[in-house]
Protein backbone atom coordinates (compact mmCIF):
# COMPACT_ATOMS: atom_id res chain seq x y z
CA MET A 1 134.98 111.76 74.04
CA THR A 2 136.89 110.32 71.14
CA PRO A 3 135.12 108.76 68.18
CA LYS A 4 136.33 105.33 69.38
CA GLU A 5 134.90 105.95 72.85
CA ARG A 6 131.61 107.09 71.35
CA LEU A 7 131.47 104.00 69.15
CA ASP A 8 132.24 101.77 72.15
CA ALA A 9 129.49 103.50 74.15
CA VAL A 10 126.98 103.02 71.32
CA GLU A 11 127.98 99.36 70.98
CA ASP A 12 127.56 98.91 74.73
CA ILE A 13 124.11 100.44 74.58
CA LEU A 14 123.16 98.19 71.66
CA HIS A 15 124.37 95.10 73.53
CA ARG A 16 122.36 96.09 76.60
CA LEU A 17 119.28 96.75 74.47
CA ALA A 18 119.64 93.36 72.77
CA ALA A 19 119.96 91.63 76.15
CA ALA A 20 116.92 93.50 77.49
CA GLN A 21 114.94 92.60 74.37
CA GLN A 22 115.91 88.93 74.80
CA ARG A 23 114.79 88.97 78.46
CA SER A 24 111.56 90.66 77.42
CA GLN A 25 110.94 88.01 74.74
CA GLU A 26 111.61 85.20 77.24
CA ARG A 27 109.24 86.79 79.76
CA HIS A 28 106.59 87.20 77.08
CA GLU A 29 106.87 83.50 76.20
CA GLU A 30 106.60 82.54 79.89
CA LEU A 31 103.52 84.72 80.30
CA ALA A 32 101.93 83.30 77.15
CA GLU A 33 102.45 79.78 78.53
CA THR A 34 100.92 80.82 81.86
CA VAL A 35 97.89 82.30 80.09
CA GLN A 36 97.49 79.09 78.10
CA LEU A 37 97.58 77.00 81.30
CA LEU A 38 95.12 79.31 83.04
CA THR A 39 92.77 79.16 80.06
CA SER A 40 92.84 75.39 80.20
CA ASP A 41 92.14 75.47 83.95
CA VAL A 42 89.21 77.85 83.46
CA GLN A 43 87.76 75.64 80.74
CA GLN A 44 88.03 72.61 83.03
CA ASP A 45 86.40 74.57 85.86
CA ALA A 46 83.55 75.54 83.55
CA GLU A 47 83.00 71.90 82.57
CA ASN A 48 82.99 70.90 86.24
CA ILE A 49 80.48 73.63 87.10
CA ARG A 50 78.18 72.48 84.28
CA ALA A 51 78.41 68.87 85.55
CA LEU A 52 77.62 70.01 89.10
CA ALA A 53 74.62 71.97 87.82
CA ARG A 54 73.33 68.89 85.96
CA ASN A 55 73.78 66.75 89.08
CA SER A 56 71.97 69.36 91.16
CA GLN A 57 69.02 69.33 88.76
CA ILE A 58 68.85 65.53 88.85
CA LEU A 59 68.96 65.52 92.65
CA HIS A 60 66.30 68.23 92.82
CA ARG A 61 63.97 66.18 90.60
CA SER A 62 64.63 63.08 92.72
CA ILE A 63 63.83 64.95 95.93
CA LYS A 64 60.64 66.35 94.42
CA ALA A 65 59.61 62.83 93.32
CA LEU A 66 60.28 61.45 96.81
CA GLU A 67 58.27 64.30 98.34
CA THR A 68 55.38 63.45 96.01
CA ILE A 69 55.56 59.75 96.96
CA ALA A 70 55.78 60.59 100.67
CA ALA A 71 52.80 62.95 100.44
CA ALA A 72 50.76 60.28 98.63
CA HIS A 73 51.44 57.78 101.40
CA SER A 74 50.66 60.05 104.34
């Protein structure tokens, strides 16, 4: 291999490495965006679960109150 051929080979490798690094960076950014969206979804799910739990407690108390009223009138 001549020095010119070696230099061309090294330059080719460097270009391929730069392209691979660019693709890797783009993929990293896409994944970071996906994680951010998923985090937001999980936070919303958690808020919804807390609201459902509060509603369940309110309904439970209402049912218990109705049972008490029904028992008093029987």
